[in-house]
Every structure is written in structure tokens, then in C-alpha cells.
Amino acid sequence: MKSSNRNKQTFFLVATSFILLMALAIIAFTPQIIAWRLSIVDRLVDQAKNTQNTQQKLSYLEQAKMMVGSDPVATEALARFWLSRGETGRAIAVYQSVDDPNYLRLGNLALQVQDYNKALVYYKRAGRVHQSAESLSGEAVALYNTDKISEGCEKSAQASKQSLESIIAKNANSSCILLGGTQADATSLVTKSALSQRESAYFLIDNQVYKSGEKLLKEVESKSTTDFLTLARLSASRGELKEAIVFAVQGTKIDQSNSALQSTLVRLYTLVNDPQAAKHHAELLEQLKFSHY
């Protein structure tokens, strides 16, 4: 009986010692393990840069991201891949997957896809981490896009107080005025009476007040190819691809030689799985390239 107990004690001591040794070994080799994993990340990202095969590129980048989830190089490379393909929503998911996301960047991206409620959440989180003229202006713009003009104007005024020199804050204040709001002390770059309807529309769109800017642009009576291209891109950015195609086609009726419209139609028809139409506009685009020589 005593021998059995001694054997158990010996086994326990040996097992404990082994576990401690393994733990110490892991601690000792952790820097080397991290360095090894980071070297693999760098190699995979380089391989992604050097391949023209889209699926292979994505595979390399996803492997790099899995190797070290919060690695900034892998995260940035994969997010930029999706951004280059117009997949802003997927880029947001990648950026959000790290331990300490850049909420200001996430807010800007959410605005691009016109997800205003999500943008507002991100900007508020950015403000909790570090309140700045940029985070406050972002909140203002998100609020403008959800028709909360007074609240947005208050945020833009706060942004100006945060930084008197901030162009972003000044643009947010100008947007407030164009939307019919009031700014008592804030500095504005424009006045409502100084701009035409088209100019007001583009000022708002350029400053990501898409909802009101798009509405104004749609009301412009004599639209240009640029107007139709802008409307097409705005519709596409929120996933309304068929509406985007309608706008782009209207633009080509004014000027079929507009390469930006033709390339937009190639992409849109590809996204809606209409290869025949995409091929047609790709051929027109190719003809335009030759005509410029």
C-alpha cells in the first residue's frame, strides 16, 4: 500500500515537473515562435503581391491573417484587397477583427457604404478612445444622413471648438448651414446662397452627406454625364446595382465615349451576373482606348 502511494507521489512529481518544464520552454521560445510566424506572414503577403491570380492572392492573404490575427501587415493587406474590389463591407469586417480597431477609420468606411447607424456607433467609440475634431465631425455627418440635422449641427460646433483649424470640422459646419441648420459661433466655409443647387449637392456628397446631396442632385433638371456617374456610384455603394445601371446608361446616352461610365457599366454588369452586357461595354471601352491614340 505504501509502495503504491509512493508511486503515485512520484508520478505526480514527475508529471508536475514535466508540465513546468514545458511551460518554461514555451515561455523561452515564445519570441522565436512569434518571429517565425511573422516571417511567414511577410512571405505570404509578398506572394500575394506577386500573383495576378485573384483567388490565389486572396488565399495567401487569408492565410497570413490566420497566422497572426492582429498583425497590422496582414490585416491591412487583406482589407486593402477587399477595398480594391469595392467590397467595403468585407474590409470593415477585417479591420474590426483586430484587438484594438481604428474606430475612426471604421466610421469613415461605414459612411462610404452609407451604413449611417453603424458609422455613428464607430465614431462614438472613437470619441471614447480619443475625442477629436474628426470623431465629432464624423458623428455630425452620420447624424445629418439620418435626418438629425440639429444634433449634427451641435456635434459639428463641438468639433470646431475642439480644433479651430480643422477643415473637416469647417466642412461639417458648412454642411449644417446647407441643410438649413444654424451655427452660432462655428466657422463655415460656404454660405447657402453662394452655391447653386448642383454645387450644393456636390459639396454635400464630397463631405459624405450622401442622402441630402443625392436628393439635390436628382432634382437638378439638366444632368451631365458626371451627374449620372455620381448617382450611379452612390447607388452602387449601397448595393442598389440595378438603379446604378439605370443611371450609368442614362449618362452614356449623353456621351457614349465617357470611359468612366463605360468602365462602371462593365463592373456593374459583372456584379449582376450579366456577362454579355459586361462584354459589350468592355468592347466599347477598348474601342475608346484605341480612339485616343
C-alpha atoms as a PDB file:
ATOM      1  CA  MET A   1       0.000   0.000   0.000  1.00  0.00           C
ATOM      2  CA  LYS A   2       2.816   2.351   0.993  1.00  0.00           C
ATOM      3  CA  SER A   3       4.651   1.443  -2.202  1.00  0.00           C
ATOM      4  CA  SER A   4       1.555   2.295  -4.248  1.00  0.00           C
ATOM      5  CA  ASN A   5       1.247   5.707  -2.583  1.00  0.00           C
ATOM      6  CA  ARG A   6       4.915   6.414  -3.176  1.00  0.00           C
ATOM      7  CA  ASN A   7       4.495   5.510  -6.838  1.00  0.00           C
ATOM      8  CA  LYS A   8       1.562   7.890  -7.136  1.00  0.00           C
ATOM      9  CA  GLN A   9       3.523  10.684  -5.467  1.00  0.00           C
ATOM     10  CA  THR A  10       6.484  10.041  -7.724  1.00  0.00           C
ATOM     11  CA  PHE A  11       4.258  10.088 -10.804  1.00  0.00           C
ATOM     12  CA  PHE A  12       2.633  13.317  -9.660  1.00  0.00           C
ATOM     13  CA  LEU A  13       6.012  14.976  -9.075  1.00  0.00           C
ATOM     14  CA  VAL A  14       7.343  13.821 -12.431  1.00  0.00           C
ATOM     15  CA  ALA A  15       4.201  14.986 -14.236  1.00  0.00           C
ATOM     16  CA  THR A  16       4.270  18.348 -12.480  1.00  0.00           C
ATOM     17  CA  SER A  17       7.937  18.805 -13.285  1.00  0.00           C
ATOM     18  CA  PHE A  18       7.316  17.933 -16.923  1.00  0.00           C
ATOM     19  CA  ILE A  19       4.477  20.444 -17.179  1.00  0.00           C
ATOM     20  CA  LEU A  20       6.619  23.143 -15.576  1.00  0.00           C
ATOM     21  CA  LEU A  21       9.491  22.390 -17.939  1.00  0.00           C
ATOM     22  CA  MET A  22       7.162  22.562 -20.938  1.00  0.00           C
ATOM     23  CA  ALA A  23       5.734  25.862 -19.720  1.00  0.00           C
ATOM     24  CA  LEU A  24       9.230  27.283 -19.259  1.00  0.00           C
ATOM     25  CA  ALA A  25      10.212  26.050 -22.716  1.00  0.00           C
ATOM     26  CA  ILE A  26       7.180  27.712 -24.282  1.00  0.00           C
ATOM     27  CA  ILE A  27       7.966  30.970 -22.485  1.00  0.00           C
ATOM     28  CA  ALA A  28      11.602  30.753 -23.509  1.00  0.00           C
ATOM     29  CA  PHE A  29      10.796  30.085 -27.160  1.00  0.00           C
ATOM     30  CA  THR A  30       7.801  32.453 -27.457  1.00  0.00           C
ATOM     31  CA  PRO A  31       9.835  35.282 -29.082  1.00  0.00           C
ATOM     32  CA  GLN A  32      11.229  32.825 -31.629  1.00  0.00           C
ATOM     33  CA  ILE A  33       7.762  31.429 -32.316  1.00  0.00           C
ATOM     34  CA  ILE A  34       6.341  34.914 -32.823  1.00  0.00           C
ATOM     35  CA  ALA A  35       9.235  35.880 -35.090  1.00  0.00           C
ATOM     36  CA  TRP A  36       8.739  32.703 -37.120  1.00  0.00           C
ATOM     37  CA  ARG A  37       5.016  33.352 -37.523  1.00  0.00           C
ATOM     38  CA  LEU A  38       5.615  36.976 -38.532  1.00  0.00           C
ATOM     39  CA  SER A  39       8.161  35.878 -41.125  1.00  0.00           C
ATOM     40  CA  ILE A  40       5.523  33.578 -42.621  1.00  0.00           C
ATOM     41  CA  VAL A  41       3.042  36.481 -42.660  1.00  0.00           C
ATOM     42  CA  ASP A  42       5.536  38.655 -44.547  1.00  0.00           C
ATOM     43  CA  ARG A  43       6.236  35.859 -47.019  1.00  0.00           C
ATOM     44  CA  LEU A  44       2.536  35.229 -47.684  1.00  0.00           C
ATOM     45  CA  VAL A  45       1.836  38.939 -48.176  1.00  0.00           C
ATOM     46  CA  ASP A  46       4.749  39.163 -50.628  1.00  0.00           C
ATOM     47  CA  GLN A  47       3.424  36.143 -52.511  1.00  0.00           C
ATOM     48  CA  ALA A  48       0.019  37.819 -52.706  1.00  0.00           C
ATOM     49  CA  LYS A  49       1.615  40.934 -54.200  1.00  0.00           C
ATOM     50  CA  ASN A  50       3.415  38.902 -56.843  1.00  0.00           C
ATOM     51  CA  THR A  51       0.491  36.890 -58.170  1.00  0.00           C
ATOM     52  CA  GLN A  52      -2.079  38.046 -60.701  1.00  0.00           C
ATOM     53  CA  ASN A  53      -4.474  35.237 -59.818  1.00  0.00           C
ATOM     54  CA  THR A  54      -7.232  36.764 -57.706  1.00  0.00           C
ATOM     55  CA  GLN A  55      -8.184  33.577 -55.881  1.00  0.00           C
ATOM     56  CA  GLN A  56      -4.567  32.749 -55.134  1.00  0.00           C
ATOM     57  CA  LYS A  57      -3.987  36.288 -53.878  1.00  0.00           C
ATOM     58  CA  LEU A  58      -6.971  36.036 -51.555  1.00  0.00           C
ATOM     59  CA  SER A  59      -5.808  32.629 -50.322  1.00  0.00           C
ATOM     60  CA  TYR A  60      -2.360  33.971 -49.423  1.00  0.00           C
ATOM     61  CA  LEU A  61      -3.816  36.976 -47.613  1.00  0.00           C
ATOM     62  CA  GLU A  62      -6.330  34.914 -45.654  1.00  0.00           C
ATOM     63  CA  GLN A  63      -3.567  32.515 -44.603  1.00  0.00           C
ATOM     64  CA  ALA A  64      -1.466  35.466 -43.445  1.00  0.00           C
ATOM     65  CA  LYS A  65      -4.377  36.834 -41.422  1.00  0.00           C
ATOM     66  CA  MET A  66      -4.998  33.442 -39.815  1.00  0.00           C
ATOM     67  CA  MET A  67      -1.325  33.064 -38.909  1.00  0.00           C
ATOM     68  CA  VAL A  68      -1.350  36.193 -36.706  1.00  0.00           C
ATOM     69  CA  GLY A  69      -4.877  37.537 -36.371  1.00  0.00           C
ATOM     70  CA  SER A  70      -4.000  41.027 -35.143  1.00  0.00           C
ATOM     71  CA  ASP A  71      -0.896  41.533 -37.262  1.00  0.00           C
ATOM     72  CA  PRO A  72      -1.197  45.015 -38.829  1.00  0.00           C
ATOM     73  CA  VAL A  73       0.545  43.991 -42.059  1.00  0.00           C
ATOM     74  CA  ALA A  74      -1.759  41.034 -42.701  1.00  0.00           C
ATOM     75  CA  THR A  75      -4.839  42.998 -41.646  1.00  0.00           C
ATOM     76  CA  GLU A  76      -4.032  45.964 -43.871  1.00  0.00           C
ATOM     77  CA  ALA A  77      -3.196  43.774 -46.864  1.00  0.00           C
ATOM     78  CA  LEU A  78      -6.422  41.766 -46.654  1.00  0.00           C
ATOM     79  CA  ALA A  79      -8.570  44.849 -46.033  1.00  0.00           C
ATOM     80  CA  ARG A  80      -6.990  46.657 -48.984  1.00  0.00           C
ATOM     81  CA  PHE A  81      -7.668  43.631 -51.167  1.00  0.00           C
ATOM     82  CA  TRP A  82     -11.380  43.926 -50.439  1.00  0.00           C
ATOM     83  CA  LEU A  83     -11.339  47.711 -50.813  1.00  0.00           C
ATOM     84  CA  SER A  84      -9.702  47.391 -54.232  1.00  0.00           C
ATOM     85  CA  ARG A  85     -12.618  45.210 -55.294  1.00  0.00           C
ATOM     86  CA  GLY A  86     -15.226  47.594 -53.919  1.00  0.00           C
ATOM     87  CA  GLU A  87     -16.085  45.193 -51.080  1.00  0.00           C
ATOM     88  CA  THR A  88     -16.025  47.821 -48.338  1.00  0.00           C
ATOM     89  CA  GLY A  89     -18.234  45.773 -46.023  1.00  0.00           C
ATOM     90  CA  ARG A  90     -15.714  42.938 -46.018  1.00  0.00           C
ATOM     91  CA  ALA A  91     -12.880  45.384 -45.431  1.00  0.00           C
ATOM     92  CA  ILE A  92     -14.750  46.709 -42.400  1.00  0.00           C
ATOM     93  CA  ALA A  93     -15.054  43.164 -41.038  1.00  0.00           C
ATOM     94  CA  VAL A  94     -11.295  42.663 -41.444  1.00  0.00           C
ATOM     95  CA  TYR A  95     -10.387  45.935 -39.753  1.00  0.00           C
ATOM     96  CA  GLN A  96     -12.834  45.212 -36.941  1.00  0.00           C
ATOM     97  CA  SER A  97     -11.320  41.785 -36.263  1.00  0.00           C
ATOM     98  CA  VAL A  98      -8.175  43.121 -34.575  1.00  0.00           C
ATOM     99  CA  ASP A  99      -7.799  43.604 -30.830  1.00  0.00           C
ATOM    100  CA  ASP A 100      -7.727  47.408 -30.957  1.00  0.00           C
ATOM    101  CA  PRO A 101      -9.658  48.597 -34.038  1.00  0.00           C
ATOM    102  CA  ASN A 102      -9.247  52.059 -35.510  1.00  0.00           C
ATOM    103  CA  TYR A 103     -12.829  53.190 -34.988  1.00  0.00           C
ATOM    104  CA  LEU A 104     -12.290  56.456 -36.840  1.00  0.00           C
ATOM    105  CA  ARG A 105     -11.322  54.547 -39.973  1.00  0.00           C
ATOM    106  CA  LEU A 106     -14.241  52.153 -39.482  1.00  0.00           C
ATOM    107  CA  GLY A 107     -16.609  55.104 -39.224  1.00  0.00           C
ATOM    108  CA  ASN A 108     -15.284  56.559 -42.473  1.00  0.00           C
ATOM    109  CA  LEU A 109     -15.708  53.229 -44.251  1.00  0.00           C
ATOM    110  CA  ALA A 110     -19.219  52.743 -42.878  1.00  0.00           C
ATOM    111  CA  LEU A 111     -20.128  56.165 -44.268  1.00  0.00           C
ATOM    112  CA  GLN A 112     -18.828  55.123 -47.687  1.00  0.00           C
ATOM    113  CA  VAL A 113     -21.300  52.240 -47.826  1.00  0.00           C
ATOM    114  CA  GLN A 114     -23.983  54.524 -46.387  1.00  0.00           C
ATOM    115  CA  ASP A 115     -24.451  52.492 -43.218  1.00  0.00           C
ATOM    116  CA  TYR A 116     -25.055  55.574 -41.126  1.00  0.00           C
ATOM    117  CA  ASN A 117     -26.125  53.938 -37.875  1.00  0.00           C
ATOM    118  CA  LYS A 118     -23.010  51.783 -37.833  1.00  0.00           C
ATOM    119  CA  ALA A 119     -20.885  54.822 -38.701  1.00  0.00           C
ATOM    120  CA  LEU A 120     -22.347  56.712 -35.753  1.00  0.00           C
ATOM    121  CA  VAL A 121     -21.510  53.831 -33.408  1.00  0.00           C
ATOM    122  CA  TYR A 122     -17.921  53.733 -34.657  1.00  0.00           C
ATOM    123  CA  TYR A 123     -17.422  57.491 -34.343  1.00  0.00           C
ATOM    124  CA  LYS A 124     -18.791  57.455 -30.805  1.00  0.00           C
ATOM    125  CA  ARG A 125     -16.382  54.656 -29.912  1.00  0.00           C
ATOM    126  CA  ALA A 126     -13.547  56.616 -31.491  1.00  0.00           C
ATOM    127  CA  GLY A 127     -14.553  59.574 -29.340  1.00  0.00           C
ATOM    128  CA  ARG A 128     -14.491  57.457 -26.200  1.00  0.00           C
ATOM    129  CA  VAL A 129     -10.951  56.356 -27.011  1.00  0.00           C
ATOM    130  CA  HIS A 130      -9.820  59.849 -28.002  1.00  0.00           C
ATOM    131  CA  GLN A 131     -12.277  62.617 -28.774  1.00  0.00           C
ATOM    132  CA  SER A 132     -11.142  64.757 -31.687  1.00  0.00           C
ATOM    133  CA  ALA A 133     -12.496  67.147 -34.284  1.00  0.00           C
ATOM    134  CA  GLU A 134     -12.522  64.197 -36.696  1.00  0.00           C
ATOM    135  CA  SER A 135     -14.594  61.917 -34.467  1.00  0.00           C
ATOM    136  CA  LEU A 136     -17.056  64.706 -33.633  1.00  0.00           C
ATOM    137  CA  SER A 137     -17.344  65.727 -37.298  1.00  0.00           C
ATOM    138  CA  GLY A 138     -17.929  62.091 -38.178  1.00  0.00           C
ATOM    139  CA  GLU A 139     -20.767  61.941 -35.676  1.00  0.00           C
ATOM    140  CA  ALA A 140     -22.187  65.122 -37.193  1.00  0.00           C
ATOM    141  CA  VAL A 141     -22.130  63.712 -40.723  1.00  0.00           C
ATOM    142  CA  ALA A 142     -23.676  60.413 -39.635  1.00  0.00           C
ATOM    143  CA  LEU A 143     -26.449  62.363 -37.896  1.00  0.00           C
ATOM    144  CA  TYR A 144     -27.043  64.543 -40.980  1.00  0.00           C
ATOM    145  CA  ASN A 145     -27.533  61.386 -43.018  1.00  0.00           C
ATOM    146  CA  THR A 146     -30.179  60.149 -40.590  1.00  0.00           C
ATOM    147  CA  ASP A 147     -32.048  63.486 -40.813  1.00  0.00           C
ATOM    148  CA  LYS A 148     -30.987  64.568 -37.319  1.00  0.00           C
ATOM    149  CA  ILE A 149     -29.799  67.952 -38.503  1.00  0.00           C
ATOM    150  CA  SER A 150     -29.932  69.843 -35.197  1.00  0.00           C
ATOM    151  CA  GLU A 151     -27.991  67.130 -33.363  1.00  0.00           C
ATOM    152  CA  GLY A 152     -25.486  67.027 -36.193  1.00  0.00           C
ATOM    153  CA  CYS A 153     -25.030  70.792 -36.080  1.00  0.00           C
ATOM    154  CA  GLU A 154     -24.324  70.593 -32.355  1.00  0.00           C
ATOM    155  CA  LYS A 155     -21.643  67.973 -32.957  1.00  0.00           C
ATOM    156  CA  SER A 156     -20.032  70.000 -35.737  1.00  0.00           C
ATOM    157  CA  ALA A 157     -19.943  73.061 -33.464  1.00  0.00           C
ATOM    158  CA  GLN A 158     -18.210  70.939 -30.815  1.00  0.00           C
ATOM    159  CA  ALA A 159     -15.754  69.769 -33.460  1.00  0.00           C
ATOM    160  CA  SER A 160     -14.858  73.375 -34.285  1.00  0.00           C
ATOM    161  CA  LYS A 161     -14.267  74.144 -30.629  1.00  0.00           C
ATOM    162  CA  GLN A 162     -12.062  71.069 -30.428  1.00  0.00           C
ATOM    163  CA  SER A 163      -9.926  72.371 -33.307  1.00  0.00           C
ATOM    164  CA  LEU A 164     -10.442  75.801 -34.850  1.00  0.00           C
ATOM    165  CA  GLU A 165      -8.195  74.889 -37.788  1.00  0.00           C
ATOM    166  CA  SER A 166      -9.866  71.589 -38.684  1.00  0.00           C
ATOM    167  CA  ILE A 167     -11.048  71.646 -42.310  1.00  0.00           C
ATOM    168  CA  ILE A 168     -13.213  68.594 -41.608  1.00  0.00           C
ATOM    169  CA  ALA A 169     -14.995  70.476 -38.827  1.00  0.00           C
ATOM    170  CA  LYS A 170     -15.449  73.541 -41.034  1.00  0.00           C
ATOM    171  CA  ASN A 171     -16.925  71.370 -43.786  1.00  0.00           C
ATOM    172  CA  ALA A 172     -19.284  69.774 -41.266  1.00  0.00           C
ATOM    173  CA  ASN A 173     -20.387  73.264 -40.223  1.00  0.00           C
ATOM    174  CA  SER A 174     -20.902  74.269 -43.849  1.00  0.00           C
ATOM    175  CA  SER A 175     -22.976  71.132 -44.388  1.00  0.00           C
ATOM    176  CA  CYS A 176     -25.080  72.139 -41.392  1.00  0.00           C
ATOM    177  CA  ILE A 177     -25.830  75.501 -42.994  1.00  0.00           C
ATOM    178  CA  LEU A 178     -26.604  73.968 -46.400  1.00  0.00           C
ATOM    179  CA  LEU A 179     -29.033  71.603 -44.684  1.00  0.00           C
ATOM    180  CA  GLY A 180     -30.866  74.517 -43.098  1.00  0.00           C
ATOM    181  CA  GLY A 181     -29.317  74.258 -39.658  1.00  0.00           C
ATOM    182  CA  THR A 182     -27.787  77.068 -37.651  1.00  0.00           C
ATOM    183  CA  GLN A 183     -24.309  77.648 -36.294  1.00  0.00           C
ATOM    184  CA  ALA A 184     -23.902  80.490 -33.840  1.00  0.00           C
ATOM    185  CA  ASP A 185     -20.153  80.521 -33.242  1.00  0.00           C
ATOM    186  CA  ALA A 186     -18.738  77.972 -35.645  1.00  0.00           C
ATOM    187  CA  THR A 187     -16.722  78.919 -38.714  1.00  0.00           C
ATOM    188  CA  SER A 188     -18.198  77.923 -42.076  1.00  0.00           C
ATOM    189  CA  LEU A 189     -16.519  77.676 -45.471  1.00  0.00           C
ATOM    190  CA  VAL A 190     -19.660  78.336 -47.515  1.00  0.00           C
ATOM    191  CA  THR A 191     -22.995  80.072 -47.333  1.00  0.00           C
ATOM    192  CA  LYS A 192     -26.190  78.590 -48.689  1.00  0.00           C
ATOM    193  CA  SER A 193     -26.904  81.480 -51.051  1.00  0.00           C
ATOM    194  CA  ALA A 194     -23.442  81.344 -52.630  1.00  0.00           C
ATOM    195  CA  LEU A 195     -23.894  77.912 -54.220  1.00  0.00           C
ATOM    196  CA  SER A 196     -26.124  76.633 -56.991  1.00  0.00           C
ATOM    197  CA  GLN A 197     -28.213  73.527 -56.428  1.00  0.00           C
ATOM    198  CA  ARG A 198     -25.660  71.364 -58.243  1.00  0.00           C
ATOM    199  CA  GLU A 199     -22.769  72.926 -56.301  1.00  0.00           C
ATOM    200  CA  SER A 200     -24.589  72.371 -53.017  1.00  0.00           C
ATOM    201  CA  ALA A 201     -25.249  68.761 -53.992  1.00  0.00           C
ATOM    202  CA  TYR A 202     -21.597  68.082 -54.758  1.00  0.00           C
ATOM    203  CA  PHE A 203     -20.385  69.873 -51.642  1.00  0.00           C
ATOM    204  CA  LEU A 204     -22.579  67.611 -49.519  1.00  0.00           C
ATOM    205  CA  ILE A 205     -21.609  64.471 -51.434  1.00  0.00           C
ATOM    206  CA  ASP A 206     -17.907  65.318 -51.256  1.00  0.00           C
ATOM    207  CA  ASN A 207     -18.296  65.652 -47.493  1.00  0.00           C
ATOM    208  CA  GLN A 208     -20.180  62.347 -47.204  1.00  0.00           C
ATOM    209  CA  VAL A 209     -23.600  63.848 -46.563  1.00  0.00           C
ATOM    210  CA  TYR A 210     -24.784  61.471 -49.236  1.00  0.00           C
ATOM    211  CA  LYS A 211     -28.500  61.344 -48.542  1.00  0.00           C
ATOM    212  CA  SER A 212     -29.219  65.055 -48.924  1.00  0.00           C
ATOM    213  CA  GLY A 213     -26.581  65.552 -51.611  1.00  0.00           C
ATOM    214  CA  GLU A 214     -28.022  62.766 -53.730  1.00  0.00           C
ATOM    215  CA  LYS A 215     -31.531  64.159 -53.302  1.00  0.00           C
ATOM    216  CA  LEU A 216     -30.403  67.592 -54.504  1.00  0.00           C
ATOM    217  CA  LEU A 217     -28.522  66.118 -57.452  1.00  0.00           C
ATOM    218  CA  LYS A 218     -31.526  64.077 -58.548  1.00  0.00           C
ATOM    219  CA  GLU A 219     -33.554  67.298 -58.592  1.00  0.00           C
ATOM    220  CA  VAL A 220     -31.141  69.040 -60.975  1.00  0.00           C
ATOM    221  CA  GLU A 221     -33.082  69.378 -64.228  1.00  0.00           C
ATOM    222  CA  SER A 222     -30.342  69.232 -66.854  1.00  0.00           C
ATOM    223  CA  LYS A 223     -27.975  66.499 -65.704  1.00  0.00           C
ATOM    224  CA  SER A 224     -24.494  65.956 -67.094  1.00  0.00           C
ATOM    225  CA  THR A 225     -22.590  62.718 -67.593  1.00  0.00           C
ATOM    226  CA  THR A 226     -20.754  63.480 -64.347  1.00  0.00           C
ATOM    227  CA  ASP A 227     -24.079  63.792 -62.540  1.00  0.00           C
ATOM    228  CA  PHE A 228     -25.263  60.411 -63.803  1.00  0.00           C
ATOM    229  CA  LEU A 229     -21.905  58.818 -62.985  1.00  0.00           C
ATOM    230  CA  THR A 230     -22.080  60.201 -59.447  1.00  0.00           C
ATOM    231  CA  LEU A 231     -25.631  58.934 -58.975  1.00  0.00           C
ATOM    232  CA  ALA A 232     -24.608  55.529 -60.320  1.00  0.00           C
ATOM    233  CA  ARG A 233     -21.707  55.279 -57.898  1.00  0.00           C
ATOM    234  CA  LEU A 234     -23.839  56.357 -54.945  1.00  0.00           C
ATOM    235  CA  SER A 235     -26.444  53.721 -55.756  1.00  0.00           C
ATOM    236  CA  ALA A 236     -23.777  51.053 -56.236  1.00  0.00           C
ATOM    237  CA  SER A 237     -22.065  51.883 -52.942  1.00  0.00           C
ATOM    238  CA  ARG A 238     -25.194  50.917 -51.020  1.00  0.00           C
ATOM    239  CA  GLY A 239     -25.776  47.808 -53.120  1.00  0.00           C
ATOM    240  CA  GLU A 240     -28.539  49.103 -55.401  1.00  0.00           C
ATOM    241  CA  LEU A 241     -26.883  47.802 -58.554  1.00  0.00           C
ATOM    242  CA  LYS A 242     -29.868  47.861 -60.919  1.00  0.00           C
ATOM    243  CA  GLU A 243     -30.565  51.503 -60.085  1.00  0.00           C
ATOM    244  CA  ALA A 244     -26.871  52.236 -60.599  1.00  0.00           C
ATOM    245  CA  ILE A 245     -27.027  50.663 -64.070  1.00  0.00           C
ATOM    246  CA  VAL A 246     -30.020  52.830 -64.994  1.00  0.00           C
ATOM    247  CA  PHE A 247     -28.128  55.996 -64.061  1.00  0.00           C
ATOM    248  CA  ALA A 248     -24.961  54.919 -65.872  1.00  0.00           C
ATOM    249  CA  VAL A 249     -26.889  54.036 -69.032  1.00  0.00           C
ATOM    250  CA  GLN A 250     -28.595  57.434 -68.939  1.00  0.00           C
ATOM    251  CA  GLY A 251     -25.164  59.002 -68.804  1.00  0.00           C
ATOM    252  CA  THR A 252     -23.970  57.092 -71.874  1.00  0.00           C
ATOM    253  CA  LYS A 253     -26.968  58.407 -73.808  1.00  0.00           C
ATOM    254  CA  ILE A 254     -25.446  61.860 -73.369  1.00  0.00           C
ATOM    255  CA  ASP A 255     -21.886  60.765 -74.124  1.00  0.00           C
ATOM    256  CA  GLN A 256     -21.131  57.188 -75.103  1.00  0.00           C
ATOM    257  CA  SER A 257     -17.420  57.988 -75.233  1.00  0.00           C
ATOM    258  CA  ASN A 258     -17.236  58.577 -71.474  1.00  0.00           C
ATOM    259  CA  SER A 259     -14.759  55.903 -70.364  1.00  0.00           C
ATOM    260  CA  ALA A 260     -15.630  56.277 -66.665  1.00  0.00           C
ATOM    261  CA  LEU A 261     -19.260  55.431 -67.404  1.00  0.00           C
ATOM    262  CA  GLN A 262     -18.309  52.511 -69.641  1.00  0.00           C
ATOM    263  CA  SER A 263     -15.926  51.009 -67.068  1.00  0.00           C
ATOM    264  CA  THR A 264     -18.586  51.483 -64.388  1.00  0.00           C
ATOM    265  CA  LEU A 265     -21.078  49.576 -66.529  1.00  0.00           C
ATOM    266  CA  VAL A 266     -18.580  46.759 -67.078  1.00  0.00           C
ATOM    267  CA  ARG A 267     -18.200  46.361 -63.335  1.00  0.00           C
ATOM    268  CA  LEU A 268     -21.924  46.695 -62.594  1.00  0.00           C
ATOM    269  CA  TYR A 269     -22.989  44.152 -65.204  1.00  0.00           C
ATOM    270  CA  THR A 270     -20.321  41.783 -63.915  1.00  0.00           C
ATOM    271  CA  LEU A 271     -21.688  42.135 -60.395  1.00  0.00           C
ATOM    272  CA  VAL A 272     -25.277  41.423 -61.509  1.00  0.00           C
ATOM    273  CA  ASN A 273     -24.019  38.399 -63.465  1.00  0.00           C
ATOM    274  CA  ASP A 274     -24.788  39.691 -66.956  1.00  0.00           C
ATOM    275  CA  PRO A 275     -21.607  38.692 -68.824  1.00  0.00           C
ATOM    276  CA  GLN A 276     -22.998  39.564 -72.252  1.00  0.00           C
ATOM    277  CA  ALA A 277     -23.715  43.176 -71.295  1.00  0.00           C
ATOM    278  CA  ALA A 278     -20.399  43.409 -69.451  1.00  0.00           C
ATOM    279  CA  LYS A 279     -18.578  42.166 -72.562  1.00  0.00           C
ATOM    280  CA  HIS A 280     -20.407  44.696 -74.747  1.00  0.00           C
ATOM    281  CA  HIS A 281     -19.306  47.638 -72.613  1.00  0.00           C
ATOM    282  CA  ALA A 282     -15.807  46.210 -72.241  1.00  0.00           C
ATOM    283  CA  GLU A 283     -15.529  46.192 -76.040  1.00  0.00           C
ATOM    284  CA  LEU A 284     -16.766  49.782 -76.194  1.00  0.00           C
ATOM    285  CA  LEU A 285     -14.212  50.724 -73.561  1.00  0.00           C
ATOM    286  CA  GLU A 286     -11.449  49.044 -75.560  1.00  0.00           C
ATOM    287  CA  GLN A 287     -12.504  50.943 -78.685  1.00  0.00           C
ATOM    288  CA  LEU A 288     -12.316  54.190 -76.739  1.00  0.00           C
ATOM    289  CA  LYS A 289      -8.737  53.410 -75.725  1.00  0.00           C
ATOM    290  CA  PHE A 290      -7.704  52.971 -79.355  1.00  0.00           C
ATOM    291  CA  SER A 291      -9.557  56.106 -80.448  1.00  0.00           C
ATOM    292  CA  HIS A 292      -7.403  58.198 -78.104  1.00  0.00           C
ATOM    293  CA  TYR A 293      -4.181  57.199 -79.889  1.00  0.00           C
END
